Amino acid sequence: YMMPYMSIMSPTPQAALSAVIMSAVVKSVIFPKDLMAMKGTDAIIGWGTGVGTAVTSPTLGFAIGLILVAATSALKPKSKKD
């Protein structure tokens, strides 16, 4: 008998899930201590992926990170093994 009123309640689960995700992630977004501790090419990849994700979408941000990994590994000097 409550089915006519379910259209009002349909956004509620999505909003609750969003609130849980935001409460879990917001501290790491405001104070990215793990990202701040990175050095060298790891920092370039980490910051590039983070900024790419923030500016675009998570899928494109992940792709940007993969491109940065490929580019930095291709540009690293090869070590000579004797």
N, C-alpha and C. Protein backbone atom coordinates (compact mmCIF):
# COMPACT_ATOMS: atom_id res chain seq x y z
N TYR A 1 0.81 -1.20 0.00
CA TYR A 1 0.00 0.00 0.00
C TYR A 1 0.86 1.26 0.00
N MET A 2 2.17 1.12 0.22
CA MET A 2 3.07 2.28 0.26
C MET A 2 3.74 2.54 -1.10
N MET A 3 3.50 1.70 -2.07
CA MET A 3 4.18 1.84 -3.36
C MET A 3 3.99 3.20 -4.04
N PRO A 4 2.84 3.86 -3.95
CA PRO A 4 2.73 5.18 -4.58
C PRO A 4 3.68 6.22 -3.98
N TYR A 5 4.11 6.00 -2.76
CA TYR A 5 4.98 6.97 -2.10
C TYR A 5 6.46 6.65 -2.25
N MET A 6 6.80 5.55 -2.88
CA MET A 6 8.20 5.15 -3.02
C MET A 6 8.98 6.06 -3.96
N SER A 7 8.31 6.74 -4.87
CA SER A 7 9.04 7.66 -5.76
C SER A 7 9.64 8.81 -4.98
N ILE A 8 9.04 9.16 -3.87
CA ILE A 8 9.58 10.22 -3.01
C ILE A 8 10.84 9.73 -2.30
N MET A 9 10.87 8.46 -1.95
CA MET A 9 11.97 7.89 -1.17
C MET A 9 13.14 7.40 -2.02
N SER A 10 13.01 7.36 -3.34
CA SER A 10 14.06 6.76 -4.17
C SER A 10 15.41 7.48 -4.08
N PRO A 11 15.49 8.81 -3.93
CA PRO A 11 16.81 9.44 -3.82
C PRO A 11 17.48 9.21 -2.46
N THR A 12 16.74 8.75 -1.47
CA THR A 12 17.28 8.62 -0.12
C THR A 12 18.46 7.66 -0.03
N PRO A 13 18.42 6.44 -0.58
CA PRO A 13 19.58 5.57 -0.47
C PRO A 13 20.84 6.14 -1.14
N GLN A 14 20.68 6.80 -2.25
CA GLN A 14 21.82 7.39 -2.94
C GLN A 14 22.41 8.52 -2.10
N ALA A 15 21.56 9.32 -1.47
CA ALA A 15 22.05 10.41 -0.63
C ALA A 15 22.76 9.86 0.61
N ALA A 16 22.23 8.80 1.18
CA ALA A 16 22.87 8.20 2.35
C ALA A 16 24.23 7.61 1.99
N LEU A 17 24.32 6.95 0.86
CA LEU A 17 25.59 6.40 0.41
C LEU A 17 26.60 7.52 0.14
N SER A 18 26.15 8.59 -0.46
CA SER A 18 27.03 9.73 -0.72
C SER A 18 27.56 10.33 0.57
N ALA A 19 26.71 10.42 1.58
CA ALA A 19 27.13 10.97 2.88
C ALA A 19 28.18 10.07 3.54
N VAL A 20 28.00 8.77 3.45
CA VAL A 20 28.97 7.84 4.04
C VAL A 20 30.31 7.95 3.33
N ILE A 21 30.30 8.01 2.01
CA ILE A 21 31.54 8.12 1.24
C ILE A 21 32.23 9.44 1.53
N MET A 22 31.48 10.52 1.57
CA MET A 22 32.07 11.83 1.85
C MET A 22 32.70 11.87 3.24
N SER A 23 32.04 11.31 4.24
CA SER A 23 32.61 11.33 5.59
C SER A 23 33.88 10.50 5.68
N ALA A 24 34.00 9.47 4.86
CA ALA A 24 35.20 8.64 4.88
C ALA A 24 36.35 9.27 4.11
N VAL A 25 36.06 10.09 3.11
CA VAL A 25 37.09 10.59 2.20
C VAL A 25 37.51 12.03 2.47
N VAL A 26 36.65 12.82 3.06
CA VAL A 26 36.91 14.26 3.13
C VAL A 26 38.19 14.60 3.89
N LYS A 27 38.54 13.87 4.93
CA LYS A 27 39.76 14.17 5.68
C LYS A 27 41.01 13.95 4.81
N SER A 28 41.02 12.88 4.03
CA SER A 28 42.16 12.61 3.17
C SER A 28 42.26 13.58 2.00
N VAL A 29 41.14 14.14 1.60
CA VAL A 29 41.16 15.11 0.51
C VAL A 29 41.68 16.46 1.01
N ILE A 30 41.28 16.85 2.19
CA ILE A 30 41.71 18.14 2.73
C ILE A 30 43.17 18.11 3.17
N PHE A 31 43.58 17.03 3.82
CA PHE A 31 44.96 16.88 4.28
C PHE A 31 45.58 15.61 3.68
N PRO A 32 46.08 15.68 2.44
CA PRO A 32 46.62 14.47 1.79
C PRO A 32 48.04 14.15 2.25
N LYS A 33 48.21 13.70 3.52
CA LYS A 33 49.55 13.49 4.07
C LYS A 33 50.32 12.40 3.34
N ASP A 34 49.64 11.36 2.87
CA ASP A 34 50.35 10.33 2.11
C ASP A 34 50.86 10.87 0.78
N LEU A 35 50.07 11.71 0.15
CA LEU A 35 50.48 12.31 -1.12
C LEU A 35 51.59 13.32 -0.91
N MET A 36 51.56 14.02 0.22
CA MET A 36 52.60 15.01 0.51
C MET A 36 53.95 14.34 0.81
N ALA A 37 53.92 13.09 1.27
CA ALA A 37 55.16 12.40 1.62
C ALA A 37 55.86 11.81 0.41
N MET A 38 55.21 11.77 -0.73
CA MET A 38 55.81 11.18 -1.93
C MET A 38 56.91 12.08 -2.48
N LYS A 39 57.89 11.45 -3.10
CA LYS A 39 59.01 12.18 -3.69
C LYS A 39 59.29 11.65 -5.09
N GLY A 40 59.88 12.47 -5.91
CA GLY A 40 60.33 12.07 -7.24
C GLY A 40 59.18 11.78 -8.19
N THR A 41 59.35 10.73 -8.97
CA THR A 41 58.35 10.40 -9.98
C THR A 41 57.03 9.93 -9.35
N ASP A 42 57.12 9.34 -8.15
CA ASP A 42 55.89 8.95 -7.46
C ASP A 42 55.03 10.17 -7.16
N ALA A 43 55.66 11.27 -6.78
CA ALA A 43 54.93 12.50 -6.51
C ALA A 43 54.28 13.05 -7.78
N ILE A 44 55.01 12.99 -8.88
CA ILE A 44 54.46 13.48 -10.15
C ILE A 44 53.24 12.66 -10.54
N ILE A 45 53.36 11.35 -10.43
CA ILE A 45 52.25 10.47 -10.79
C ILE A 45 51.07 10.67 -9.83
N GLY A 46 51.35 10.72 -8.54
CA GLY A 46 50.29 10.87 -7.55
C GLY A 46 49.54 12.18 -7.69
N TRP A 47 50.28 13.28 -7.76
CA TRP A 47 49.63 14.58 -7.89
C TRP A 47 48.93 14.72 -9.23
N GLY A 48 49.54 14.22 -10.29
CA GLY A 48 48.89 14.28 -11.60
C GLY A 48 47.59 13.50 -11.65
N THR A 49 47.61 12.32 -11.04
CA THR A 49 46.39 11.51 -10.99
C THR A 49 45.33 12.19 -10.13
N GLY A 50 45.73 12.72 -8.99
CA GLY A 50 44.78 13.40 -8.10
C GLY A 50 44.15 14.62 -8.73
N VAL A 51 44.97 15.44 -9.35
CA VAL A 51 44.44 16.64 -10.01
C VAL A 51 43.59 16.27 -11.21
N GLY A 52 44.05 15.27 -11.97
CA GLY A 52 43.27 14.82 -13.12
C GLY A 52 41.91 14.28 -12.72
N THR A 53 41.86 13.56 -11.61
CA THR A 53 40.59 13.04 -11.12
C THR A 53 39.70 14.16 -10.61
N ALA A 54 40.27 15.13 -9.93
CA ALA A 54 39.47 16.24 -9.40
C ALA A 54 38.91 17.11 -10.51
N VAL A 55 39.67 17.29 -11.58
CA VAL A 55 39.24 18.18 -12.65
C VAL A 55 38.29 17.48 -13.62
N THR A 56 38.51 16.19 -13.86
CA THR A 56 37.68 15.48 -14.84
C THR A 56 36.74 14.53 -14.10
N SER A 57 36.87 13.26 -14.35
CA SER A 57 36.05 12.24 -13.68
C SER A 57 36.98 11.16 -13.15
N PRO A 58 36.50 10.30 -12.26
CA PRO A 58 37.38 9.24 -11.75
C PRO A 58 37.95 8.33 -12.85
N THR A 59 37.16 8.05 -13.86
CA THR A 59 37.65 7.19 -14.94
C THR A 59 38.75 7.87 -15.74
N LEU A 60 38.55 9.14 -16.08
CA LEU A 60 39.58 9.87 -16.82
C LEU A 60 40.80 10.13 -15.94
N GLY A 61 40.59 10.38 -14.66
CA GLY A 61 41.71 10.57 -13.74
C GLY A 61 42.57 9.33 -13.65
N PHE A 62 41.93 8.16 -13.61
CA PHE A 62 42.67 6.89 -13.61
C PHE A 62 43.45 6.74 -14.90
N ALA A 63 42.84 7.10 -16.02
CA ALA A 63 43.54 7.02 -17.31
C ALA A 63 44.72 7.98 -17.34
N ILE A 64 44.57 9.15 -16.78
CA ILE A 64 45.68 10.10 -16.71
C ILE A 64 46.82 9.52 -15.89
N GLY A 65 46.48 8.86 -14.77
CA GLY A 65 47.50 8.21 -13.96
C GLY A 65 48.23 7.13 -14.71
N LEU A 66 47.50 6.33 -15.48
CA LEU A 66 48.15 5.28 -16.28
C LEU A 66 49.07 5.87 -17.34
N ILE A 67 48.64 6.96 -17.95
CA ILE A 67 49.47 7.63 -18.96
C ILE A 67 50.73 8.19 -18.30
N LEU A 68 50.60 8.76 -17.11
CA LEU A 68 51.78 9.29 -16.41
C LEU A 68 52.75 8.17 -16.03
N VAL A 69 52.22 7.03 -15.60
CA VAL A 69 53.09 5.89 -15.28
C VAL A 69 53.84 5.42 -16.53
N ALA A 70 53.12 5.31 -17.63
CA ALA A 70 53.76 4.87 -18.88
C ALA A 70 54.81 5.88 -19.33
N ALA A 71 54.49 7.16 -19.22
CA ALA A 71 55.44 8.19 -19.67
C ALA A 71 56.68 8.24 -18.79
N THR A 72 56.50 8.16 -17.48
CA THR A 72 57.67 8.23 -16.60
C THR A 72 58.52 6.97 -16.70
N SER A 73 57.89 5.81 -16.90
CA SER A 73 58.70 4.60 -17.05
C SER A 73 59.44 4.58 -18.39
N ALA A 74 58.86 5.18 -19.41
CA ALA A 74 59.53 5.25 -20.70
C ALA A 74 60.68 6.25 -20.69
N LEU A 75 60.57 7.28 -19.86
CA LEU A 75 61.61 8.32 -19.81
C LEU A 75 62.71 8.03 -18.81
N LYS A 76 62.52 7.02 -17.95
CA LYS A 76 63.56 6.68 -16.97
C LYS A 76 64.78 6.13 -17.70
N PRO A 77 65.96 6.53 -17.26
CA PRO A 77 67.16 5.97 -17.89
C PRO A 77 67.28 4.49 -17.53
N LYS A 78 67.65 3.71 -18.52
CA LYS A 78 67.82 2.28 -18.30
C LYS A 78 69.13 2.03 -17.56
N SER A 79 69.07 1.22 -16.52
CA SER A 79 70.31 0.90 -15.80
C SER A 79 71.02 -0.23 -16.53
N LYS A 80 72.32 -0.10 -16.64
CA LYS A 80 73.13 -1.11 -17.33
C LYS A 80 73.54 -2.19 -16.35
N LYS A 81 73.24 -3.42 -16.70
CA LYS A 81 73.64 -4.54 -15.87
C LYS A 81 74.86 -5.20 -16.49
N ASP A 82 75.86 -5.42 -15.67
CA ASP A 82 77.09 -6.03 -16.19
C ASP A 82 77.05 -7.53 -16.08
